[in-house]
Amino acid sequence: MMCCVLLVGCFETTQEITINKNGSGIFTNTTDLSNMIGLIKQMGGDEASKMHNTDTTISLTGVADSIAGITAEQKRLVNKGIMKLALNMQDEKLLVKLNFPFEKLSDVDLLKEILPKLSVSALKKLPGGDQMPAGGSDADSSKIKTFDNYFDDTITKKLISKTLNKAKYATAADDEFMKSLQQMSGMGSPVTVNYVINLPKPAKKVEGKAVKLSDDKKKVTLSVTSDDFFDDPSKFEYRIEY
């Protein structure tokens, strides 16, 4: 059930990168599925009855073994990760946080590359996550994409940027998974994505339509939606010099 929820959209994700002075840091991806709790309750049945309040942390060691096409370096990064689950049926809150420490900035690109598949594989470790309904199999999850798939990311000790890849973006309209997200947006259920970057020192220059910079110039935030992706993808772009 959890994996099916991830596939249908109607959620909010926050991707946060915290960078230390030596280039190491923490990469976190939090998915807020709270909006789906009401739907799950309405559906009722065995799936709803199996979901109980919980606040737990799960090691991701071994999760990468079931992901096809993953490199040895990516497996090493995933094995160091943890998943935190906070579920409260009464308050209708469901948060799933994937947390990965990294040693060098290039590790962030490796994690982003496998994030869609990794999210589905990690959710299978949750109660009921192994009971995959139609549309939630590994074959289907391999087709899941994030908005990041259509942008070129750069992350170094001096520059962090996200730039639209026009050639890849031109194919988004033909992608079945992206079509489903666009349909959800059209029905009034857009997906929200928040990007948060915690810098090791104040930014020298920040550019971007939707970018916000903290007073101390060390925290950059960007909040965009699937509507923005289809209507004005340039809102996802940013350039940070620090």
Protein backbone atom coordinates (compact mmCIF):
# COMPACT_ATOMS: atom_id res chain seq x y z
CA MET A 1 0.00 0.00 0.00
CA MET A 2 2.78 2.43 0.90
CA CYS A 3 4.46 1.99 -2.49
CA CYS A 4 1.16 2.48 -4.28
CA VAL A 5 0.69 5.76 -2.43
CA LEU A 6 4.12 6.91 -3.60
CA LEU A 7 3.20 6.13 -7.19
CA VAL A 8 -0.07 8.07 -7.34
CA GLY A 9 1.36 11.40 -6.19
CA CYS A 10 -0.51 13.87 -3.96
CA PHE A 11 2.43 14.37 -1.65
CA GLU A 12 5.14 16.84 -0.65
CA THR A 13 8.85 16.16 -0.62
CA THR A 14 11.72 18.09 0.92
CA GLN A 15 15.23 17.48 -0.31
CA GLU A 16 17.79 18.93 2.09
CA ILE A 17 21.57 19.03 1.73
CA THR A 18 23.76 20.10 4.64
CA ILE A 19 27.39 20.72 3.69
CA ASN A 20 30.29 20.82 6.13
CA LYS A 21 33.47 22.84 5.59
CA ASN A 22 35.41 19.73 4.51
CA GLY A 23 32.84 18.78 1.83
CA SER A 24 31.14 16.04 3.81
CA GLY A 25 27.55 16.36 4.95
CA ILE A 26 24.05 14.93 5.13
CA PHE A 27 21.58 14.31 2.30
CA THR A 28 17.96 14.02 3.45
CA ASN A 29 14.81 13.33 1.48
CA THR A 30 11.54 13.69 3.40
CA THR A 31 8.21 12.64 1.90
CA ASP A 32 5.04 13.95 3.54
CA LEU A 33 2.23 11.53 2.70
CA SER A 34 -0.19 12.91 5.28
CA ASN A 35 -2.75 13.87 2.63
CA MET A 36 -3.15 10.19 1.78
CA ILE A 37 -4.18 9.04 5.26
CA GLY A 38 -7.76 10.21 4.76
CA LEU A 39 -7.94 8.31 1.47
CA ILE A 40 -6.56 5.16 3.09
CA LYS A 41 -9.17 5.41 5.84
CA GLN A 42 -11.93 5.78 3.27
CA MET A 43 -10.71 2.73 1.41
CA GLY A 44 -10.70 0.83 4.70
CA GLY A 45 -10.16 -2.90 4.49
CA ASP A 46 -7.14 -4.84 5.65
CA GLU A 47 -4.62 -2.18 4.59
CA ALA A 48 -6.11 0.49 6.88
CA SER A 49 -6.39 -1.90 9.82
CA LYS A 50 -2.70 -2.86 9.50
CA MET A 51 -1.53 0.73 9.90
CA HIS A 52 -0.81 1.63 13.52
CA ASN A 53 0.77 4.71 15.08
CA THR A 54 4.53 4.43 15.05
CA ASP A 55 7.69 6.50 15.33
CA THR A 56 10.66 4.39 14.36
CA THR A 57 14.07 4.38 12.68
CA ILE A 58 15.05 1.62 10.25
CA SER A 59 18.53 0.85 8.91
CA LEU A 60 18.77 0.75 5.11
CA THR A 61 21.61 -1.76 5.10
CA GLY A 62 20.91 -4.31 2.38
CA VAL A 63 18.09 -2.36 0.74
CA ALA A 64 20.25 -1.55 -2.29
CA ASP A 65 20.82 -5.26 -2.98
CA SER A 66 17.40 -5.46 -4.62
CA ILE A 67 17.88 -2.41 -6.86
CA ALA A 68 18.97 -3.21 -10.41
CA GLY A 69 21.76 -1.21 -12.02
CA ILE A 70 23.16 0.24 -8.82
CA THR A 71 26.93 0.69 -8.48
CA ALA A 72 29.13 -0.55 -5.64
CA GLU A 73 29.71 3.04 -4.51
CA GLN A 74 25.98 3.73 -4.44
CA LYS A 75 25.41 0.58 -2.39
CA ARG A 76 28.00 1.79 0.10
CA LEU A 77 26.20 5.11 0.48
CA VAL A 78 22.79 3.49 0.87
CA ASN A 79 24.05 1.01 3.47
CA LYS A 80 25.00 3.96 5.69
CA GLY A 81 21.52 5.43 5.46
CA ILE A 82 18.53 5.24 7.74
CA MET A 83 14.79 5.69 7.26
CA LYS A 84 12.67 7.43 9.87
CA LEU A 85 8.93 6.79 9.89
CA ALA A 86 6.38 8.86 11.81
CA LEU A 87 2.77 7.71 11.47
CA ASN A 88 -0.21 8.98 13.45
CA MET A 89 -3.58 7.78 12.17
CA GLN A 90 -5.61 10.05 14.46
CA ASP A 91 -3.75 13.22 13.45
CA GLU A 92 -3.51 11.94 9.87
CA LYS A 93 0.24 12.45 9.67
CA LEU A 94 2.67 10.28 7.74
CA LEU A 95 6.28 11.32 7.24
CA VAL A 96 9.00 9.16 5.69
CA LYS A 97 12.54 10.52 5.92
CA LEU A 98 15.59 9.02 4.19
CA ASN A 99 18.86 10.21 5.72
CA PHE A 100 22.31 9.61 4.18
CA PRO A 101 25.69 10.87 5.41
CA PHE A 102 28.21 11.55 2.64
CA GLU A 103 31.96 12.07 2.62
CA LYS A 104 32.32 14.14 -0.55
CA LEU A 105 30.05 16.37 -2.61
CA SER A 106 30.08 14.05 -5.63
CA ASP A 107 28.23 11.49 -3.47
CA VAL A 108 25.13 13.71 -3.62
CA ASP A 109 24.79 13.15 -7.38
CA LEU A 110 25.04 9.38 -6.87
CA LEU A 111 22.25 9.47 -4.29
CA LYS A 112 19.99 11.65 -6.42
CA GLU A 113 20.49 9.31 -9.37
CA ILE A 114 18.96 6.32 -7.57
CA LEU A 115 16.50 8.18 -5.32
CA PRO A 116 13.27 7.15 -7.12
CA LYS A 117 14.05 3.41 -7.02
CA LEU A 118 15.54 3.72 -3.56
CA SER A 119 12.40 5.34 -2.15
CA VAL A 120 10.20 2.46 -3.30
CA SER A 121 12.63 -0.21 -2.08
CA ALA A 122 12.95 1.51 1.32
CA LEU A 123 9.17 1.75 1.74
CA LYS A 124 8.91 -2.01 1.34
CA LYS A 125 10.57 -2.30 4.74
CA LEU A 126 7.53 -0.69 6.34
CA PRO A 127 4.57 -2.70 7.69
CA GLY A 128 2.45 -3.76 4.71
CA GLY A 129 5.04 -2.45 2.28
CA ASP A 130 5.79 -5.91 0.95
CA GLN A 131 2.18 -6.37 -0.13
CA MET A 132 2.49 -4.70 -3.47
CA PRO A 133 -0.79 -4.02 -5.28
CA ALA A 134 -1.10 -3.80 -9.04
CA GLY A 135 1.05 -0.96 -10.33
CA GLY A 136 3.56 -1.17 -7.51
CA SER A 137 5.94 -3.85 -8.70
CA ASP A 138 9.66 -3.41 -9.16
CA ALA A 139 9.16 -3.24 -12.91
CA ASP A 140 6.82 -0.28 -12.52
CA SER A 141 8.96 1.45 -9.90
CA SER A 142 11.87 1.45 -12.32
CA LYS A 143 9.89 3.92 -14.43
CA ILE A 144 9.47 6.42 -11.62
CA LYS A 145 11.26 9.71 -12.18
CA THR A 146 11.76 12.85 -10.16
CA PHE A 147 11.81 16.37 -11.51
CA ASP A 148 15.59 16.26 -11.03
CA ASN A 149 15.81 13.87 -13.99
CA TYR A 150 15.13 16.82 -16.29
CA PHE A 151 17.78 19.15 -14.86
CA ASP A 152 21.57 19.22 -14.76
CA ASP A 153 22.93 19.61 -11.22
CA THR A 154 26.34 20.94 -10.26
CA ILE A 155 27.67 20.76 -6.71
CA THR A 156 31.22 21.78 -5.83
CA LYS A 157 32.93 23.60 -2.95
CA LYS A 158 32.33 26.91 -4.74
CA LEU A 159 29.21 26.46 -6.86
CA ILE A 160 25.83 24.73 -6.60
CA SER A 161 23.39 25.00 -9.49
CA LYS A 162 20.37 23.43 -11.15
CA THR A 163 19.81 24.10 -14.86
CA LEU A 164 17.01 22.86 -17.11
CA ASN A 165 18.14 20.24 -19.63
CA LYS A 166 15.98 21.28 -22.57
CA ALA A 167 16.57 18.08 -24.53
CA LYS A 168 15.43 15.89 -21.63
CA TYR A 169 12.54 18.21 -20.78
CA ALA A 170 11.25 17.86 -24.35
CA THR A 171 10.66 14.15 -23.62
CA ALA A 172 8.68 14.73 -20.40
CA ALA A 173 5.38 15.03 -22.26
CA ASP A 174 5.81 11.47 -23.57
CA ASP A 175 6.77 9.90 -20.24
CA GLU A 176 3.93 7.89 -18.70
CA PHE A 177 4.88 8.64 -15.10
CA MET A 178 5.18 12.37 -15.75
CA LYS A 179 1.83 12.27 -17.54
CA SER A 180 0.24 10.86 -14.40
CA LEU A 181 1.73 13.70 -12.34
CA GLN A 182 0.40 16.24 -14.81
CA GLN A 183 -3.06 14.68 -14.58
CA MET A 184 -2.92 14.89 -10.78
CA SER A 185 -1.96 18.55 -11.04
CA GLY A 186 -4.86 19.16 -13.40
CA MET A 187 -7.21 17.64 -10.82
CA GLY A 188 -6.02 20.09 -8.17
CA SER A 189 -3.51 17.78 -6.48
CA PRO A 190 -0.07 19.12 -7.43
CA VAL A 191 3.09 17.65 -5.98
CA THR A 192 5.16 20.12 -3.96
CA VAL A 193 8.95 19.94 -3.86
CA ASN A 194 11.12 21.88 -1.43
CA TYR A 195 14.87 22.21 -1.88
CA VAL A 196 16.94 23.27 1.12
CA ILE A 197 20.70 23.81 0.99
CA ASN A 198 22.66 24.56 4.15
CA LEU A 199 25.99 26.10 3.17
CA PRO A 200 29.24 25.88 5.19
CA LYS A 201 29.76 29.64 4.69
CA PRO A 202 27.73 32.66 3.52
CA ALA A 203 26.71 32.73 -0.14
CA LYS A 204 28.45 35.30 -2.32
CA LYS A 205 25.79 35.36 -5.03
CA VAL A 206 22.41 33.62 -5.41
CA GLU A 207 20.23 33.60 -8.52
CA GLY A 208 16.84 32.00 -9.22
CA LYS A 209 13.21 32.99 -9.72
CA ALA A 210 11.91 31.22 -6.62
CA VAL A 211 15.04 31.16 -4.45
CA LYS A 212 15.02 32.53 -0.89
CA LEU A 213 18.18 33.31 1.07
CA SER A 214 18.34 33.43 4.87
CA ASP A 215 19.55 36.55 6.68
CA ASP A 216 22.91 34.94 7.45
CA LYS A 217 23.18 33.90 3.75
CA LYS A 218 23.96 30.31 4.71
CA LYS A 219 20.59 28.72 3.98
CA VAL A 220 18.99 28.62 0.53
CA THR A 221 15.41 27.42 0.07
CA LEU A 222 13.27 26.84 -2.99
CA SER A 223 9.64 25.67 -3.05
CA VAL A 224 8.07 24.62 -6.36
CA THR A 225 5.22 22.42 -7.57
CA SER A 226 4.40 20.06 -10.40
CA ASP A 227 2.35 22.92 -11.88
CA ASP A 228 5.57 24.96 -12.06
CA PHE A 229 7.36 22.06 -13.73
CA PHE A 230 4.84 21.85 -16.55
CA ASP A 231 4.08 25.59 -16.85
CA ASP A 232 7.42 27.28 -16.07
CA PRO A 233 10.27 24.84 -15.31
CA SER A 234 12.74 27.72 -15.02
CA LYS A 235 11.37 28.22 -11.48
CA PHE A 236 13.36 25.10 -10.52
CA GLU A 237 16.63 26.66 -11.64
CA TYR A 238 19.15 28.27 -9.30
CA ARG A 239 22.80 29.22 -9.10
CA ILE A 240 24.63 29.61 -5.78
CA GLU A 241 28.17 30.87 -5.48
CA TYR A 242 29.74 30.58 -2.04
